[in-house]
């Protein structure tokens, strides 16, 4: 994984450049994108996402919301199969996403170009805490998947900041990967092909976001 900066997370969640460049901090409302090489798979879902949405060198498989509390501690608010919609310390997130060889995947921190209402968006996300993970991948069913949580939390004056697009679950050959077929068969639901939705690959490159040049490292 190419890394431009090497940093550590200090007790108060400071993000410090080891190269002596200007100090940067994670800000409330930043987004954290988890990426893997296109040929790397943690599980069946990661491979299925790569088949359907992957492009370039990186397969972005997850998106989380970063919250910085008054004491400077960094929290994660996200939607996962393991936790549902949950708020937990950054270290918990890093443990969950540690790869088999003990390393971390690519972790890109992105920030809204207009971050003036970040606190409001984080509070919106907190209103969904306790919900189940949306394995149906459909809107307005009382559940959320990772980018759906971001989509429904980042709303400015009734307008969604991020775009919903027709979802694609098919691979390059126009077929549904085995993972999706088995999942939706298990929950007795149709695959929501072409229904409006979001995904980490699409959201990572949203024109509403800019990249923050920090690298997150383990603090445990």
Protein backbone atom coordinates (compact mmCIF):
# COMPACT_ATOMS: atom_id res chain seq x y z
CA UNK A 1 0.00 0.00 0.00
CA UNK A 2 1.51 3.31 -1.03
CA UNK A 3 1.87 5.70 1.90
CA UNK A 4 2.99 9.31 1.62
CA UNK A 5 2.95 10.08 5.31
CA UNK A 6 3.65 7.97 8.38
CA UNK A 7 1.72 8.98 11.48
CA UNK A 8 0.69 7.73 14.87
CA UNK A 9 -2.45 8.33 16.84
CA UNK A 10 -1.57 9.94 20.16
CA UNK A 11 -3.70 9.71 23.29
CA UNK A 12 -5.83 12.67 22.29
CA UNK A 13 -6.22 11.54 18.71
CA UNK A 14 -3.73 13.93 17.13
CA UNK A 15 -2.56 13.03 13.65
CA UNK A 16 1.09 14.05 13.39
CA UNK A 17 3.30 13.92 10.33
CA UNK A 18 6.56 12.09 10.94
CA UNK A 19 8.16 13.97 8.07
CA UNK A 20 8.01 17.28 9.90
CA UNK A 21 5.30 18.77 7.72
CA UNK A 22 2.37 20.73 9.14
CA UNK A 23 0.34 18.93 11.79
CA UNK A 24 -3.08 17.78 10.68
CA UNK A 25 -5.95 16.52 12.81
CA UNK A 26 -8.92 14.41 11.99
CA UNK A 27 -11.97 16.66 12.20
CA UNK A 28 -15.49 15.91 13.29
CA UNK A 29 -17.49 14.57 10.35
CA UNK A 30 -14.55 13.34 8.28
CA UNK A 31 -15.12 10.07 6.45
CA UNK A 32 -12.85 7.03 6.58
CA UNK A 33 -12.69 4.76 3.52
CA UNK A 34 -11.30 1.22 3.75
CA UNK A 35 -9.54 0.05 0.60
CA UNK A 36 -7.89 -3.15 -0.59
CA UNK A 37 -5.93 -4.07 -3.69
CA UNK A 38 -8.31 -5.26 -6.38
CA UNK A 39 -6.95 -8.81 -6.15
CA UNK A 40 -7.23 -9.03 -2.35
CA UNK A 41 -10.29 -10.36 -0.56
CA UNK A 42 -11.16 -10.49 3.15
CA UNK A 43 -14.45 -12.23 2.53
CA UNK A 44 -17.04 -12.99 -0.11
CA UNK A 45 -18.65 -9.57 0.12
CA UNK A 46 -15.35 -7.80 -0.58
CA UNK A 47 -14.84 -9.87 -3.71
CA UNK A 48 -18.42 -9.27 -4.82
CA UNK A 49 -18.04 -5.53 -4.34
CA UNK A 50 -14.84 -5.58 -6.39
CA UNK A 51 -16.60 -7.51 -9.17
CA UNK A 52 -19.47 -5.04 -9.31
CA UNK A 53 -17.96 -1.62 -8.51
CA UNK A 54 -14.19 -1.95 -8.56
CA UNK A 55 -12.06 0.18 -10.83
CA UNK A 56 -8.46 1.29 -10.78
CA UNK A 57 -6.01 -0.20 -8.26
CA UNK A 58 -8.09 0.01 -5.07
CA UNK A 59 -11.30 -1.74 -4.07
CA UNK A 60 -13.05 0.43 -1.46
CA UNK A 61 -15.17 -1.88 0.66
CA UNK A 62 -16.35 0.22 3.61
CA UNK A 63 -17.07 3.78 4.70
CA UNK A 64 -17.22 5.08 8.28
CA UNK A 65 -17.97 8.42 9.91
CA UNK A 66 -15.31 9.93 12.19
CA UNK A 67 -16.37 11.79 15.31
CA UNK A 68 -14.00 13.83 17.50
CA UNK A 69 -15.40 14.44 21.00
CA UNK A 70 -14.69 17.42 23.27
CA UNK A 71 -11.66 15.67 24.79
CA UNK A 72 -10.20 15.00 21.34
CA UNK A 73 -10.92 11.26 21.35
CA UNK A 74 -11.74 9.76 17.96
CA UNK A 75 -14.85 7.61 17.55
CA UNK A 76 -16.23 5.63 14.65
CA UNK A 77 -19.90 5.65 13.68
CA UNK A 78 -20.63 3.06 11.00
CA UNK A 79 -22.79 0.20 9.80
CA UNK A 80 -21.33 -3.31 9.76
CA UNK A 81 -22.73 -6.82 9.84
CA UNK A 82 -20.85 -7.43 13.10
CA UNK A 83 -22.03 -4.38 15.06
CA UNK A 84 -25.08 -3.05 13.22
CA UNK A 85 -25.21 0.75 13.46
CA UNK A 86 -22.75 1.45 16.23
CA UNK A 87 -20.42 4.04 17.78
CA UNK A 88 -17.11 2.72 19.06
CA UNK A 89 -13.50 3.89 19.59
CA UNK A 90 -11.21 4.09 16.58
CA UNK A 91 -9.03 1.30 18.00
CA UNK A 92 -12.03 -1.08 17.94
CA UNK A 93 -12.50 -0.28 14.27
CA UNK A 94 -8.81 -0.91 13.55
CA UNK A 95 -8.94 -4.28 15.31
CA UNK A 96 -12.00 -5.28 13.25
CA UNK A 97 -10.28 -4.35 9.97
CA UNK A 98 -6.79 -5.66 10.70
CA UNK A 99 -5.74 -8.04 7.92
CA UNK A 100 -4.58 -11.60 8.44
CA UNK A 101 -0.92 -10.58 8.33
CA UNK A 102 -1.45 -8.00 11.11
CA UNK A 103 -1.30 -4.98 8.81
CA UNK A 104 -4.04 -2.46 8.13
CA UNK A 105 -5.80 -1.99 4.81
CA UNK A 106 -5.61 1.32 3.00
CA UNK A 107 -7.40 3.95 5.09
CA UNK A 108 -8.27 7.19 3.29
CA UNK A 109 -9.53 10.14 5.30
CA UNK A 110 -11.81 12.41 3.29
CA UNK A 111 -13.42 15.71 4.30
CA UNK A 112 -16.30 17.70 2.94
CA UNK A 113 -15.11 20.75 1.05
CA UNK A 114 -17.70 22.64 3.09
CA UNK A 115 -17.40 21.13 6.56
CA UNK A 116 -19.29 23.88 8.40
CA UNK A 117 -22.20 21.63 9.38
CA UNK A 118 -20.17 18.55 10.30
CA UNK A 119 -21.49 18.46 13.88
CA UNK A 120 -25.05 18.34 12.54
CA UNK A 121 -24.24 15.43 10.22
CA UNK A 122 -22.61 13.47 13.05
CA UNK A 123 -25.66 14.04 15.25
CA UNK A 124 -27.86 12.81 12.40
CA UNK A 125 -25.79 9.62 12.24
CA UNK A 126 -26.18 9.09 15.99
CA UNK A 127 -29.95 9.08 15.59
CA UNK A 128 -29.60 5.75 13.74
CA UNK A 129 -27.55 4.01 16.45
CA UNK A 130 -28.91 0.59 17.38
CA UNK A 131 -30.37 -0.20 13.97
CA UNK A 132 -29.56 -3.44 12.20
CA UNK A 133 -27.23 -3.65 9.23
CA UNK A 134 -29.21 -3.41 5.99
CA UNK A 135 -28.33 -6.61 4.16
CA UNK A 136 -31.32 -6.01 1.90
CA UNK A 137 -29.60 -2.87 0.50
CA UNK A 138 -32.86 -0.97 0.18
CA UNK A 139 -33.84 2.49 1.37
CA UNK A 140 -36.36 3.44 4.05
CA UNK A 141 -36.59 0.03 5.73
CA UNK A 142 -35.35 1.06 9.19
CA UNK A 143 -31.85 -0.29 8.54
CA UNK A 144 -28.66 1.01 6.92
CA UNK A 145 -25.58 -0.32 5.17
CA UNK A 146 -22.34 1.67 5.44
CA UNK A 147 -22.71 4.31 2.74
CA UNK A 148 -26.48 4.41 3.16
CA UNK A 149 -25.83 5.62 6.72
CA UNK A 150 -23.61 8.40 5.37
CA UNK A 151 -26.11 9.25 2.65
CA UNK A 152 -28.98 9.65 5.13
CA UNK A 153 -26.84 11.52 7.69
CA UNK A 154 -25.19 14.11 5.46
CA UNK A 155 -28.23 16.19 4.58
CA UNK A 156 -28.11 19.98 4.20
CA UNK A 157 -31.44 21.84 4.23
CA UNK A 158 -33.27 18.70 3.13
CA UNK A 159 -30.80 17.96 0.34
CA UNK A 160 -28.58 14.88 0.29
CA UNK A 161 -24.94 15.89 -0.13
CA UNK A 162 -24.05 12.58 -1.75
CA UNK A 163 -25.63 11.21 -4.90
CA UNK A 164 -27.66 8.02 -5.12
CA UNK A 165 -27.08 6.05 -8.32
CA UNK A 166 -28.53 2.83 -9.79
CA UNK A 167 -26.87 0.00 -7.87
CA UNK A 168 -24.99 -2.68 -9.77
CA UNK A 169 -24.44 -6.15 -8.35
CA UNK A 170 -23.28 -7.76 -11.60
CA UNK A 171 -19.70 -8.54 -12.58
CA UNK A 172 -17.99 -7.57 -15.81
CA UNK A 173 -19.60 -10.56 -17.56
CA UNK A 174 -23.07 -9.28 -16.63
CA UNK A 175 -23.67 -12.05 -14.10
CA UNK A 176 -24.44 -11.92 -10.39
CA UNK A 177 -21.50 -13.21 -8.29
CA UNK A 178 -22.25 -16.27 -6.18
CA UNK A 179 -22.07 -14.25 -2.96
CA UNK A 180 -25.00 -12.00 -3.91
CA UNK A 181 -27.09 -14.88 -5.23
CA UNK A 182 -26.65 -16.84 -2.01
CA UNK A 183 -27.18 -13.83 0.27
CA UNK A 184 -30.44 -12.68 -1.28
CA UNK A 185 -31.69 -16.24 -1.56
CA UNK A 186 -31.01 -16.68 2.15
CA UNK A 187 -33.04 -13.59 3.09
CA UNK A 188 -35.70 -14.42 0.47
CA UNK A 189 -35.39 -11.11 -1.34
CA UNK A 190 -34.68 -10.07 -4.93
CA UNK A 191 -31.29 -8.62 -5.75
CA UNK A 192 -31.98 -4.85 -5.95
CA UNK A 193 -30.21 -4.40 -9.27
CA UNK A 194 -30.59 -0.84 -10.63
CA UNK A 195 -32.38 0.37 -7.51
CA UNK A 196 -31.04 3.73 -6.19
CA UNK A 197 -28.22 3.39 -3.70
CA UNK A 198 -24.61 4.16 -2.86
CA UNK A 199 -21.31 2.33 -2.52
CA UNK A 200 -17.86 3.12 -1.06
CA UNK A 201 -16.14 3.20 -4.47
CA UNK A 202 -18.54 5.82 -5.79
CA UNK A 203 -18.63 7.89 -2.60
CA UNK A 204 -14.82 7.95 -2.22
CA UNK A 205 -14.60 9.99 -5.42
CA UNK A 206 -17.53 12.32 -4.73
CA UNK A 207 -16.87 15.92 -5.87
CA UNK A 208 -18.15 17.05 -2.45
CA UNK A 209 -15.04 15.57 -0.77
CA UNK A 210 -11.34 16.35 -0.59
CA UNK A 211 -8.57 14.03 0.58
CA UNK A 212 -6.74 14.67 3.85
CA UNK A 213 -3.10 13.59 3.70
CA UNK A 214 -2.81 11.55 6.86
CA UNK A 215 -2.26 7.87 7.45
CA UNK A 216 -3.86 6.12 10.39
CA UNK A 217 -1.72 3.70 12.40
CA UNK A 218 -2.48 1.36 15.28
CA UNK A 219 -2.36 2.72 18.82
CA UNK A 220 -2.43 -0.70 20.56
